[in-house]
N, C-alpha and C. Protein backbone atom coordinates (compact mmCIF):
# COMPACT_ATOMS: atom_id res chain seq x y z
N UNK A 1 17.77 -13.33 24.75
CA UNK A 1 16.20 -12.16 24.73
C UNK A 1 16.22 -12.64 23.33
N UNK A 2 14.83 -12.19 23.04
CA UNK A 2 14.42 -12.87 21.12
C UNK A 2 14.16 -11.33 20.72
N UNK A 3 15.14 -11.37 19.72
CA UNK A 3 15.52 -9.25 19.27
C UNK A 3 13.89 -9.00 18.37
N UNK A 4 13.47 -7.58 18.72
CA UNK A 4 12.00 -6.92 17.94
C UNK A 4 12.21 -7.04 17.49
N UNK A 5 10.47 -6.96 16.34
CA UNK A 5 10.84 -7.01 15.29
C UNK A 5 10.91 -5.65 14.52
N UNK A 6 11.86 -5.23 13.53
CA UNK A 6 12.41 -3.96 13.24
C UNK A 6 11.96 -3.75 11.76
N UNK A 7 11.59 -4.10 10.72
CA UNK A 7 11.33 -3.88 10.15
C UNK A 7 9.25 -4.95 9.01
N UNK A 8 8.89 -3.86 8.13
CA UNK A 8 7.58 -3.85 8.00
C UNK A 8 7.82 -4.25 6.49
N UNK A 9 6.26 -4.46 5.60
CA UNK A 9 6.34 -4.77 4.13
C UNK A 9 4.77 -4.44 4.72
N UNK A 10 4.45 -3.14 4.14
CA UNK A 10 3.01 -2.52 3.11
C UNK A 10 3.24 -2.26 2.08
N UNK A 11 1.81 -3.60 2.09
CA UNK A 11 1.54 -3.58 0.37
C UNK A 11 -0.36 -2.68 0.62
N UNK A 12 0.29 -1.75 -0.60
CA UNK A 12 -0.36 -0.88 -1.08
C UNK A 12 -1.31 -1.17 -1.92
N UNK A 13 -3.04 -1.77 -1.80
CA UNK A 13 -4.21 -1.42 -2.17
C UNK A 13 -4.23 -2.13 -3.72
N UNK A 14 -3.71 -3.29 -3.61
CA UNK A 14 -3.23 -4.19 -4.67
C UNK A 14 -5.62 -5.25 -5.13
N UNK A 15 -5.64 -4.50 -5.21
CA UNK A 15 -7.40 -4.28 -5.19
C UNK A 15 -7.82 -5.71 -6.82
N UNK A 16 -8.96 -5.88 -7.45
CA UNK A 16 -9.38 -5.66 -8.08
C UNK A 16 -9.78 -4.69 -9.28
N UNK A 17 -10.32 -4.00 -8.67
CA UNK A 17 -10.08 -2.46 -9.01
C UNK A 17 -9.52 -1.46 -9.75
N UNK A 18 -8.06 -1.70 -8.47
CA UNK A 18 -6.81 -0.72 -9.60
C UNK A 18 -6.10 -1.70 -10.44
N UNK A 19 -6.38 -3.62 -10.92
CA UNK A 19 -5.90 -4.01 -11.61
C UNK A 19 -6.44 -4.16 -13.28
N UNK A 20 -6.30 -4.44 -14.39
CA UNK A 20 -6.88 -4.66 -15.78
C UNK A 20 -8.23 -5.15 -15.61
N UNK A 21 -9.00 -4.83 -16.39
CA UNK A 21 -10.33 -5.08 -16.01
C UNK A 21 -10.80 -4.45 -15.36
N UNK A 22 -10.66 -3.51 -13.70
CA UNK A 22 -11.37 -3.24 -12.38
C UNK A 22 -11.58 -1.33 -13.22
N UNK A 23 -12.48 -1.05 -12.07
CA UNK A 23 -13.36 -0.31 -12.45
C UNK A 23 -11.81 1.06 -12.78
N UNK A 24 -10.63 1.50 -12.19
CA UNK A 24 -9.50 2.33 -11.95
C UNK A 24 -8.19 1.38 -12.38
N UNK A 25 -8.33 0.63 -13.44
CA UNK A 25 -6.95 -0.27 -13.39
C UNK A 25 -5.97 1.38 -13.48
N UNK A 26 -4.30 0.53 -12.90
CA UNK A 26 -3.49 1.07 -13.85
C UNK A 26 -2.92 0.15 -13.80
N UNK A 27 -1.91 0.89 -15.62
CA UNK A 27 -1.82 0.13 -16.60
C UNK A 27 -0.78 -1.21 -16.01
N UNK A 28 -0.83 -2.09 -15.61
CA UNK A 28 0.28 -3.26 -15.81
C UNK A 28 0.21 -3.13 -14.19
N UNK A 29 -1.41 -3.11 -13.77
CA UNK A 29 -1.09 -3.03 -12.45
C UNK A 29 -0.62 -4.85 -11.87
N UNK A 30 -1.59 -5.73 -12.49
CA UNK A 30 -1.50 -7.53 -11.77
C UNK A 30 0.31 -7.82 -12.27
N UNK A 31 0.87 -6.73 -12.50
CA UNK A 31 2.61 -6.78 -12.82
C UNK A 31 2.88 -7.36 -11.14
N UNK A 32 2.73 -6.59 -10.34
CA UNK A 32 3.12 -5.64 -8.99
C UNK A 32 2.74 -7.39 -7.69
N UNK A 33 1.78 -8.17 -8.99
CA UNK A 33 2.10 -9.44 -7.95
C UNK A 33 3.42 -10.14 -7.11
N UNK A 34 3.76 -10.67 -8.42
CA UNK A 34 4.79 -11.97 -8.55
C UNK A 34 5.86 -10.78 -7.49
N UNK A 35 5.82 -10.24 -8.02
CA UNK A 35 7.75 -9.20 -7.13
C UNK A 35 6.49 -9.15 -5.40
N UNK A 36 5.63 -8.61 -5.38
CA UNK A 36 5.43 -8.92 -3.25
C UNK A 36 4.77 -9.77 -2.96
N UNK A 37 4.91 -11.25 -3.59
CA UNK A 37 4.56 -12.16 -3.22
C UNK A 37 5.91 -12.25 -2.39
N UNK A 38 7.00 -12.68 -3.62
CA UNK A 38 8.53 -13.30 -2.60
C UNK A 38 8.77 -11.57 -1.35
N UNK A 39 8.31 -10.61 -1.26
CA UNK A 39 8.70 -10.10 -0.77
C UNK A 39 7.92 -10.32 0.72
N UNK A 40 6.71 -10.87 0.88
CA UNK A 40 5.76 -11.83 1.87
C UNK A 40 5.85 -12.27 2.08
N UNK A 41 6.48 -13.33 1.37
CA UNK A 41 7.60 -14.62 1.98
C UNK A 41 8.58 -15.00 2.32
N UNK A 42 9.33 -13.39 2.29
CA UNK A 42 10.48 -13.30 2.92
C UNK A 42 9.63 -12.65 4.29
N UNK A 43 9.61 -12.29 4.32
CA UNK A 43 8.83 -10.50 5.12
C UNK A 43 8.06 -12.09 7.26
N UNK A 44 7.94 -13.11 6.08
CA UNK A 44 7.40 -14.40 7.40
C UNK A 44 7.96 -14.96 7.64
N UNK A 45 8.73 -15.50 6.50
CA UNK A 45 10.22 -16.42 6.77
C UNK A 45 11.27 -15.07 8.45
N UNK A 46 11.25 -14.82 8.10
CA UNK A 46 12.51 -14.10 9.23
C UNK A 46 10.85 -12.43 10.28
N UNK A 47 10.08 -13.81 10.35
CA UNK A 47 9.06 -13.11 11.61
C UNK A 47 9.12 -11.60 11.19
N UNK A 48 8.65 -11.03 10.78
CA UNK A 48 8.56 -9.45 9.85
C UNK A 48 7.26 -9.26 9.64
N UNK A 49 6.24 -8.26 9.96
CA UNK A 49 4.90 -8.04 10.20
C UNK A 49 4.62 -7.73 8.28
N UNK A 50 4.10 -7.77 7.56
CA UNK A 50 3.62 -7.67 6.69
C UNK A 50 1.69 -7.41 7.09
N UNK A 51 1.45 -5.66 6.22
CA UNK A 51 0.39 -5.37 6.72
C UNK A 51 0.33 -4.85 4.99
N UNK A 52 -1.38 -4.97 5.35
CA UNK A 52 -1.97 -5.40 3.42
C UNK A 52 -3.46 -3.89 3.69
N UNK A 53 -3.05 -3.24 2.81
CA UNK A 53 -4.04 -2.20 3.07
C UNK A 53 -5.42 -2.22 2.01
N UNK A 54 -6.29 -1.24 1.78
CA UNK A 54 -7.35 -2.13 1.18
C UNK A 54 -8.24 -0.62 1.12
N UNK A 55 -8.67 -0.21 -0.14
CA UNK A 55 -9.72 0.78 0.30
C UNK A 55 -11.62 -0.05 0.13
N UNK A 56 -11.91 0.76 1.95
CA UNK A 56 -13.07 0.47 1.52
C UNK A 56 -14.56 0.94 1.91
N UNK A 57 -14.81 1.54 0.76
CA UNK A 57 -15.33 3.18 0.43
C UNK A 57 -17.24 2.30 0.22
N UNK A 58 -17.60 3.36 0.83
CA UNK A 58 -19.18 2.95 1.27
C UNK A 58 -20.12 3.75 -0.64
N UNK A 59 -20.77 2.61 -0.90
CA UNK A 59 -21.49 3.27 -1.98
C UNK A 59 -21.66 4.97 -2.02
N UNK A 60 -21.67 5.50 -1.15
CA UNK A 60 -21.69 6.60 -1.72
C UNK A 60 -20.87 7.52 -0.14
N UNK A 61 -19.71 8.53 -0.62
CA UNK A 61 -18.76 8.83 -0.36
C UNK A 61 -18.39 10.09 -1.92
N UNK A 62 -17.83 11.04 -0.70
CA UNK A 62 -17.05 12.31 -1.80
C UNK A 62 -16.28 11.99 -2.09
N UNK A 63 -15.94 10.82 -2.24
CA UNK A 63 -14.36 10.78 -3.21
C UNK A 63 -14.74 10.20 -3.68
N UNK A 64 -16.29 9.62 -4.25
CA UNK A 64 -16.39 9.53 -6.03
C UNK A 64 -16.94 10.96 -6.64
N UNK A 65 -16.31 10.40 -7.60
CA UNK A 65 -17.67 12.22 -8.91
C UNK A 65 -18.46 12.12 -8.44
N UNK A 66 -19.67 10.91 -8.21
CA UNK A 66 -21.15 10.99 -8.38
C UNK A 66 -21.63 12.12 -6.84
N UNK A 67 -20.97 12.34 -6.05
CA UNK A 67 -20.80 13.36 -5.02
C UNK A 67 -20.15 14.16 -4.66
N UNK A 68 -19.04 14.07 -5.52
CA UNK A 68 -18.28 16.22 -5.69
C UNK A 68 -16.71 15.49 -5.31
N UNK A 69 -17.15 13.62 -6.05
CA UNK A 69 -14.81 14.19 -5.40
C UNK A 69 -14.50 14.00 -6.93
N UNK A 70 -12.93 13.76 -6.33
CA UNK A 70 -12.74 12.77 -8.41
C UNK A 70 -13.18 11.43 -9.15
N UNK A 71 -13.16 10.68 -8.04
CA UNK A 71 -12.43 9.13 -8.97
C UNK A 71 -14.30 8.50 -9.03
N UNK A 72 -14.51 8.03 -10.32
CA UNK A 72 -15.57 7.05 -10.19
C UNK A 72 -15.97 6.14 -9.46
N UNK A 73 -16.97 5.33 -8.72
CA UNK A 73 -17.01 4.58 -7.92
C UNK A 73 -15.90 3.38 -8.73
N UNK A 74 -15.35 2.68 -7.06
CA UNK A 74 -14.49 1.69 -7.12
C UNK A 74 -14.09 0.64 -5.45
N UNK A 75 -13.72 -0.27 -5.41
CA UNK A 75 -13.08 -0.36 -4.90
C UNK A 75 -14.87 -0.68 -3.14
N UNK A 76 -15.47 -0.47 -4.33
CA UNK A 76 -17.03 -0.22 -3.06
C UNK A 76 -17.33 -1.96 -2.13
N UNK A 77 -17.42 -1.48 -0.59
CA UNK A 77 -17.67 -2.61 0.48
C UNK A 77 -18.37 -4.24 0.12
N UNK A 78 -18.37 -5.10 0.44
CA UNK A 78 -18.46 -6.25 -0.81
C UNK A 78 -18.98 -6.60 -1.66
N UNK A 79 -17.39 -5.62 -2.84
CA UNK A 79 -17.90 -6.34 -4.07
C UNK A 79 -16.71 -6.75 -4.51
N UNK A 80 -16.48 -7.43 -6.27
CA UNK A 80 -15.48 -8.03 -6.05
C UNK A 80 -14.77 -7.31 -6.51
N UNK A 81 -14.85 -5.95 -7.01
CA UNK A 81 -13.69 -4.79 -7.70
C UNK A 81 -12.65 -4.41 -5.54
N UNK A 82 -13.10 -4.79 -4.77
CA UNK A 82 -13.28 -4.26 -3.15
C UNK A 82 -12.01 -5.71 -2.84
N UNK A 83 -11.77 -6.86 -3.30
CA UNK A 83 -10.97 -8.12 -3.36
C UNK A 83 -9.51 -8.17 -3.78
N UNK A 84 -8.73 -8.25 -2.78
CA UNK A 84 -7.56 -8.24 -3.07
C UNK A 84 -7.40 -9.14 -4.07
N UNK A 85 -6.59 -8.78 -5.29
CA UNK A 85 -5.56 -9.64 -5.84
C UNK A 85 -6.18 -10.57 -5.55
N UNK A 86 -6.41 -12.01 -7.18
CA UNK A 86 -6.95 -13.26 -6.55
C UNK A 86 -4.75 -14.17 -6.75
N UNK A 87 -4.10 -12.92 -6.76
CA UNK A 87 -3.09 -14.62 -7.34
C UNK A 87 -2.37 -14.07 -5.62
N UNK A 88 -2.47 -13.05 -5.28
CA UNK A 88 -1.70 -11.89 -4.33
C UNK A 88 -1.59 -13.06 -2.63
N UNK A 89 -0.03 -13.17 -2.60
CA UNK A 89 -0.38 -14.79 -1.40
C UNK A 89 0.04 -13.81 0.17
N UNK A 90 -1.32 -13.85 0.95
CA UNK A 90 -0.37 -13.63 1.72
C UNK A 90 0.24 -14.48 2.82
N UNK A 91 0.30 -16.01 2.61
CA UNK A 91 0.94 -16.07 3.35
C UNK A 91 0.13 -17.21 4.90
N UNK A 92 1.57 -17.34 5.71
CA UNK A 92 0.73 -17.67 6.85
C UNK A 92 1.02 -17.36 7.90
N UNK A 93 2.00 -16.26 7.89
CA UNK A 93 3.06 -15.71 8.61
C UNK A 93 1.65 -14.24 8.92
N UNK A 94 2.69 -13.33 10.38
CA UNK A 94 1.77 -12.53 10.92
C UNK A 94 0.98 -11.28 9.12
N UNK A 95 0.03 -11.07 9.54
CA UNK A 95 -0.08 -10.05 8.78
C UNK A 95 -1.14 -9.62 9.15
N UNK A 96 -1.56 -8.50 8.76
CA UNK A 96 -3.21 -6.95 9.48
C UNK A 96 -3.44 -6.43 8.09
N UNK A 97 -4.96 -6.22 7.99
CA UNK A 97 -5.29 -5.94 6.50
C UNK A 97 -6.12 -4.36 7.07
N UNK A 98 -4.67 -3.28 6.23
CA UNK A 98 -5.30 -2.43 7.17
C UNK A 98 -7.05 -1.75 5.60
N UNK A 99 -8.10 -1.06 6.41
CA UNK A 99 -8.80 -0.71 5.65
C UNK A 99 -9.10 1.16 6.04
N UNK A 100 -8.95 1.41 5.17
CA UNK A 100 -9.74 2.64 4.56
C UNK A 100 -10.00 3.09 3.37
N UNK A 101 -10.81 4.54 3.61
CA UNK A 101 -11.79 5.26 2.83
C UNK A 101 -12.98 5.25 2.96
N UNK A 102 -13.72 4.35 4.39
CA UNK A 102 -15.34 3.73 4.95
C UNK A 102 -15.83 5.17 5.17
N UNK A 103 -14.34 6.31 5.91
CA UNK A 103 -16.01 7.57 5.89
C UNK A 103 -16.16 9.05 5.65
N UNK A 104 -17.67 8.58 4.82
CA UNK A 104 -17.97 9.00 3.59
C UNK A 104 -18.03 9.85 2.95
N UNK A 105 -17.45 11.27 4.39
CA UNK A 105 -17.65 12.72 3.78
C UNK A 105 -16.09 13.03 3.70
N UNK A 106 -14.71 11.97 3.76
CA UNK A 106 -13.58 12.81 3.27
C UNK A 106 -14.29 11.88 1.63
N UNK A 107 -12.43 12.83 1.18
CA UNK A 107 -12.23 12.39 -0.23
C UNK A 107 -10.98 12.17 -0.67
N UNK A 108 -9.82 13.19 0.45
CA UNK A 108 -8.63 12.45 0.59
C UNK A 108 -8.47 10.95 1.43
N UNK A 109 -8.83 10.22 0.42
CA UNK A 109 -8.44 8.94 1.59
C UNK A 109 -7.93 8.02 1.39
N UNK A 110 -6.20 8.51 1.22
CA UNK A 110 -5.05 7.49 -0.68
C UNK A 110 -4.05 6.03 0.78
N UNK A 111 -4.09 7.89 1.52
CA UNK A 111 -2.64 6.82 2.61
C UNK A 111 -2.88 5.97 3.48
N UNK A 112 -2.38 4.76 3.86
CA UNK A 112 -2.70 3.69 4.18
C UNK A 112 -3.81 4.27 6.38
N UNK A 113 -1.65 4.89 5.90
CA UNK A 113 -2.20 5.41 7.97
C UNK A 113 -3.49 6.41 8.45
N UNK A 114 -4.12 6.92 6.97
CA UNK A 114 -5.20 6.94 7.92
C UNK A 114 -6.12 5.67 7.86
N UNK A 115 -6.40 4.82 8.09
CA UNK A 115 -6.78 3.04 7.97
C UNK A 115 -6.82 2.21 8.85
N UNK A 116 -7.64 1.42 9.48
CA UNK A 116 -7.05 1.01 10.51
C UNK A 116 -7.49 -0.56 10.73
N UNK A 117 -6.13 -1.60 11.19
CA UNK A 117 -6.52 -2.27 11.72
C UNK A 117 -7.43 -3.09 13.31
N UNK A 118 -8.48 -3.86 13.09
CA UNK A 118 -9.66 -4.07 14.45
C UNK A 118 -9.51 -2.42 15.04
N UNK A 119 -10.48 -1.21 15.13
CA UNK A 119 -9.53 -0.25 15.25
C UNK A 119 -7.50 0.79 15.54
N UNK A 120 -7.55 0.05 15.31
CA UNK A 120 -5.90 -0.01 15.41
C UNK A 120 -5.22 1.41 14.68
N UNK A 121 -5.38 2.28 14.44
CA UNK A 121 -4.30 2.85 13.70
C UNK A 121 -3.68 2.37 12.91
N UNK A 122 -2.06 2.44 11.13
CA UNK A 122 -0.73 1.80 10.85
C UNK A 122 0.00 2.14 12.05
N UNK A 123 -0.01 3.60 11.93
CA UNK A 123 0.64 3.95 12.96
C UNK A 123 0.71 3.86 14.61
N UNK A 124 0.42 3.30 15.41
CA UNK A 124 -0.34 2.80 15.58
C UNK A 124 1.01 1.09 16.17
N UNK A 125 -0.24 0.42 15.05
CA UNK A 125 0.14 -1.25 14.47
C UNK A 125 1.12 -1.24 15.18
N UNK A 126 2.40 -0.37 14.31
CA UNK A 126 3.15 -0.93 13.37
C UNK A 126 4.73 -0.38 14.42
N UNK A 127 4.44 0.99 15.57
CA UNK A 127 5.03 1.16 16.05
C UNK A 127 5.20 -0.17 18.02
N UNK A 128 3.60 -0.52 18.12
CA UNK A 128 3.32 -2.27 18.60
C UNK A 128 4.61 -2.80 18.74
N UNK A 129 4.83 -2.50 17.01
CA UNK A 129 6.16 -4.19 16.74
C UNK A 129 7.27 -3.19 16.82
N UNK A 130 7.19 -2.10 17.44
CA UNK A 130 8.81 -1.42 17.73
C UNK A 130 9.85 -1.70 15.66
N UNK A 131 8.74 -0.78 14.85
CA UNK A 131 9.78 -1.02 13.01
C UNK A 131 9.43 0.22 13.69
N UNK A 132 10.94 0.44 12.28
CA UNK A 132 11.53 1.07 12.70
C UNK A 132 11.34 1.56 10.84
N UNK A 133 11.52 0.25 9.75
CA UNK A 133 12.27 0.05 7.96
C UNK A 133 10.48 -0.55 7.63
N UNK A 134 10.08 0.76 7.18
CA UNK A 134 9.31 0.36 6.42
C UNK A 134 9.13 0.13 4.75
N UNK A 135 9.13 -1.81 4.09
CA UNK A 135 9.30 -1.47 3.31
C UNK A 135 7.80 -1.83 2.34
N UNK A 136 7.70 -0.96 0.90
CA UNK A 136 6.33 -0.62 0.47
C UNK A 136 6.11 -0.25 -1.16
N UNK A 137 5.09 -0.86 -1.10
CA UNK A 137 4.97 -1.10 -2.65
C UNK A 137 3.57 -1.55 -2.70
N UNK A 138 2.89 -2.02 -4.07
CA UNK A 138 1.37 -1.88 -4.70
C UNK A 138 1.23 -1.09 -5.52
N UNK A 139 -0.13 -0.22 -5.21
CA UNK A 139 -1.15 0.35 -6.22
C UNK A 139 -1.45 1.97 -5.57
N UNK A 140 -1.64 2.90 -5.91
CA UNK A 140 -0.46 2.71 -7.79
C UNK A 140 0.25 4.36 -6.89
N UNK A 141 1.83 3.59 -7.70
CA UNK A 141 2.78 4.85 -7.79
C UNK A 141 2.39 6.42 -6.93
N UNK A 142 1.49 6.72 -7.92
CA UNK A 142 1.57 8.24 -7.80
C UNK A 142 0.16 8.69 -6.92
N UNK A 143 -0.18 7.85 -5.95
CA UNK A 143 -1.03 8.10 -5.55
C UNK A 143 -1.03 7.61 -4.77
N UNK A 144 -1.82 6.07 -3.90
CA UNK A 144 -2.01 5.97 -2.55
C UNK A 144 0.33 5.18 -1.81
N UNK A 145 0.42 4.73 -2.99
CA UNK A 145 1.67 4.52 -2.54
C UNK A 145 2.62 5.50 -2.25
N UNK A 146 2.24 6.88 -3.17
CA UNK A 146 3.11 8.12 -2.61
C UNK A 146 2.81 8.09 -1.29
N UNK A 147 1.59 8.58 -1.60
CA UNK A 147 1.10 8.52 -0.05
C UNK A 147 1.20 8.51 1.25
N UNK A 148 2.08 7.25 1.25
CA UNK A 148 1.89 5.90 2.10
C UNK A 148 3.42 6.43 2.43
N UNK A 149 4.16 6.36 2.14
CA UNK A 149 5.42 6.78 2.11
C UNK A 149 5.73 8.35 2.36
N UNK A 150 5.40 9.25 1.56
CA UNK A 150 5.32 10.13 2.37
C UNK A 150 4.49 10.50 3.85
N UNK A 151 3.82 10.19 3.87
CA UNK A 151 4.04 10.06 5.36
C UNK A 151 4.16 8.95 6.82
N UNK A 152 4.36 8.07 6.11
CA UNK A 152 5.70 7.56 7.02
C UNK A 152 6.11 8.10 7.43
N UNK A 153 7.54 9.12 6.25
CA UNK A 153 8.42 9.52 6.64
C UNK A 153 8.36 10.96 7.56
N UNK A 154 6.76 10.77 7.31
CA UNK A 154 6.40 12.58 8.74
C UNK A 154 6.80 11.72 9.88
N UNK A 155 5.90 10.37 9.41
CA UNK A 155 5.62 9.90 11.10
C UNK A 155 7.66 9.51 11.53
N UNK A 156 8.14 9.50 11.33
CA UNK A 156 9.88 9.30 11.11
C UNK A 156 10.24 7.34 10.80
N UNK A 157 10.03 6.97 9.90
CA UNK A 157 9.90 5.51 9.59
C UNK A 157 11.66 5.87 8.71
N UNK A 158 12.05 4.99 8.37
CA UNK A 158 12.76 4.95 7.21
C UNK A 158 12.06 4.07 5.80
N UNK A 159 11.68 4.34 4.74
CA UNK A 159 11.07 3.90 4.38
C UNK A 159 12.20 3.44 3.48
N UNK A 160 11.53 1.95 2.13
CA UNK A 160 12.34 1.84 1.08
C UNK A 160 11.10 1.13 0.42
N UNK A 161 11.24 2.30 -0.75
CA UNK A 161 10.08 1.79 -2.25
C UNK A 161 10.86 0.22 -2.53
N UNK A 162 10.03 -0.39 -3.20
CA UNK A 162 10.12 -1.33 -4.16
C UNK A 162 9.52 -0.95 -5.31
N UNK A 163 10.91 -0.75 -6.03
CA UNK A 163 10.29 0.41 -7.21
C UNK A 163 9.91 -0.69 -8.82
N UNK A 164 10.30 -2.12 -8.29
CA UNK A 164 9.93 -3.42 -9.08
C UNK A 164 8.15 -3.71 -8.71
N UNK A 165 7.63 -3.13 -7.39
CA UNK A 165 7.11 -4.17 -7.86
C UNK A 165 5.48 -2.71 -7.09
N UNK A 166 5.33 -1.75 -7.42
CA UNK A 166 4.29 -0.75 -7.51
C UNK A 166 4.73 0.00 -9.66
N UNK A 167 3.13 -0.05 -9.37
CA UNK A 167 2.90 0.45 -11.24
C UNK A 167 1.87 1.59 -10.59
N UNK A 168 1.88 2.43 -12.09
CA UNK A 168 0.72 3.89 -11.23
C UNK A 168 -0.24 4.35 -12.85
N UNK A 169 -1.18 5.41 -12.04
CA UNK A 169 -1.94 5.81 -13.20
C UNK A 169 -1.31 7.12 -13.71
N UNK A 170 -1.15 7.61 -14.22
CA UNK A 170 -1.03 8.42 -14.54
C UNK A 170 -2.11 9.24 -15.60
N UNK A 171 -2.15 9.84 -14.57
CA UNK A 171 -3.69 10.38 -15.35
C UNK A 171 -2.61 11.40 -16.32
N UNK A 172 -1.92 12.49 -15.37
CA UNK A 172 -1.66 13.71 -16.74
C UNK A 172 -0.32 12.61 -16.96
N UNK A 173 0.83 12.58 -18.20
CA UNK A 173 1.62 12.90 -17.96
C UNK A 173 2.52 13.39 -17.10
N UNK A 174 3.28 12.41 -16.69
CA UNK A 174 4.78 12.76 -15.89
C UNK A 174 4.19 12.59 -14.31
N UNK A 175 3.40 12.29 -13.91
CA UNK A 175 3.37 11.86 -12.59
C UNK A 175 3.98 11.25 -12.24
N UNK A 176 3.67 10.02 -12.73
CA UNK A 176 5.20 8.66 -12.14
C UNK A 176 6.30 9.40 -11.50
N UNK A 177 6.79 10.61 -12.49
CA UNK A 177 8.51 11.23 -12.62
C UNK A 177 8.24 11.48 -10.97
N UNK A 178 7.10 12.55 -11.59
CA UNK A 178 6.37 14.39 -10.44
C UNK A 178 6.42 12.61 -8.77
N UNK A 179 6.34 12.15 -8.66
CA UNK A 179 5.82 11.03 -7.39
C UNK A 179 6.91 10.43 -6.65
N UNK A 180 7.74 10.43 -7.80
CA UNK A 180 9.11 9.44 -7.35
C UNK A 180 10.05 10.57 -6.93
N UNK A 181 9.81 11.43 -8.07
CA UNK A 181 11.22 12.79 -7.46
C UNK A 181 10.56 13.42 -6.13
N UNK A 182 9.15 13.56 -5.89
CA UNK A 182 8.54 14.55 -4.45
C UNK A 182 8.74 12.73 -3.50
N UNK A 183 8.82 11.63 -3.39
CA UNK A 183 9.44 10.57 -2.52
C UNK A 183 11.29 10.46 -2.29
N UNK A 184 11.77 10.48 -3.33
CA UNK A 184 13.04 10.95 -3.01
C UNK A 184 12.80 12.33 -2.57
N UNK A 185 12.61 12.47 -2.32
CA UNK A 185 12.23 14.65 -1.65
C UNK A 185 12.27 14.12 -0.96
N UNK A 186 11.43 13.39 -0.06
CA UNK A 186 11.68 13.32 1.45
C UNK A 186 12.23 12.40 2.49
N UNK A 187 13.37 11.95 0.98
CA UNK A 187 13.99 11.19 2.21
C UNK A 187 13.78 9.30 1.46
N UNK A 188 12.75 9.14 1.14
CA UNK A 188 12.36 7.79 0.70
C UNK A 188 14.00 6.68 -0.30
N UNK A 189 13.76 5.60 0.43
CA UNK A 189 14.98 4.97 -0.66
C UNK A 189 14.33 3.98 -1.76
N UNK A 190 15.37 3.63 -2.60
CA UNK A 190 14.60 3.06 -4.21
C UNK A 190 15.37 1.79 -3.96
N UNK A 191 14.79 1.10 -3.49
CA UNK A 191 15.45 -0.44 -3.55
C UNK A 191 14.49 -1.19 -5.02
N UNK A 192 15.13 -2.98 -4.60
CA UNK A 192 14.28 -3.92 -6.03
C UNK A 192 13.87 -4.86 -4.82
N UNK A 193 12.77 -5.70 -4.60
CA UNK A 193 12.54 -6.84 -4.15
C UNK A 193 13.60 -7.87 -4.11
N UNK A 194 14.48 -8.08 -5.14
CA UNK A 194 15.72 -8.91 -4.99
C UNK A 194 16.21 -8.48 -3.82
N UNK A 195 16.77 -7.22 -4.35
CA UNK A 195 17.59 -6.95 -3.28
C UNK A 195 17.01 -6.37 -1.60
N UNK A 196 16.38 -6.29 -1.40
CA UNK A 196 15.15 -6.46 -0.15
C UNK A 196 15.76 -8.48 0.48
N UNK A 197 14.78 -9.09 -0.64
CA UNK A 197 15.11 -10.54 -0.39
C UNK A 197 16.10 -11.35 -0.04
N UNK A 198 17.27 -10.62 0.06
CA UNK A 198 18.87 -11.19 0.13
C UNK A 198 18.86 -10.93 1.40
N UNK A 199 18.37 -9.77 2.21
CA UNK A 199 18.49 -9.02 3.71
C UNK A 199 17.99 -10.46 4.33
N UNK A 200 18.68 -9.31 5.80
CA UNK A 200 18.37 -11.18 7.15
C UNK A 200 18.13 -10.20 7.93
N UNK A 201 18.17 -10.64 9.36
CA UNK A 201 17.92 -9.90 10.68
C UNK A 201 19.52 -9.73 11.17
């Protein structure tokens, strides 16, 4: 009997608009690509699924400043800013694209657990693969990555943050430190990509 898949990788919002040169860049955002590519290759090698989330905003949404939200326009549907970073390698294994932020009436669309892949919520997708452990990296540590980790913990997953594969926006000094502390207090475990790639089933 084949062992059921129990681990998954969640790559959060590694999109052009969140990288240098984009509309809302996290300093050093592109630096997450290389470690995430190693993680993606490792998960594919072990036949564990990879989920890649991305903002997919309409042009008019309460998430944007112009319509009462906190952010400048970014990751608008069918624009280059919404595309994944060109060096991010999806590989040839099992992966899913999780789209979020599509409802124009919702201000807080940070968490990938509020997104869907072909109409299926992320939590439903992970449970369909019997996932117990979730490994998370991407952008930005103090917003969407944090939201992903906290929601995953609330849903009962064992969560590992790839600390070398995420970067923060730090709109306010100390935002990253506070985010890491909040995640640690919620039971999120910190791990490096190298530590992950030494793991096997």
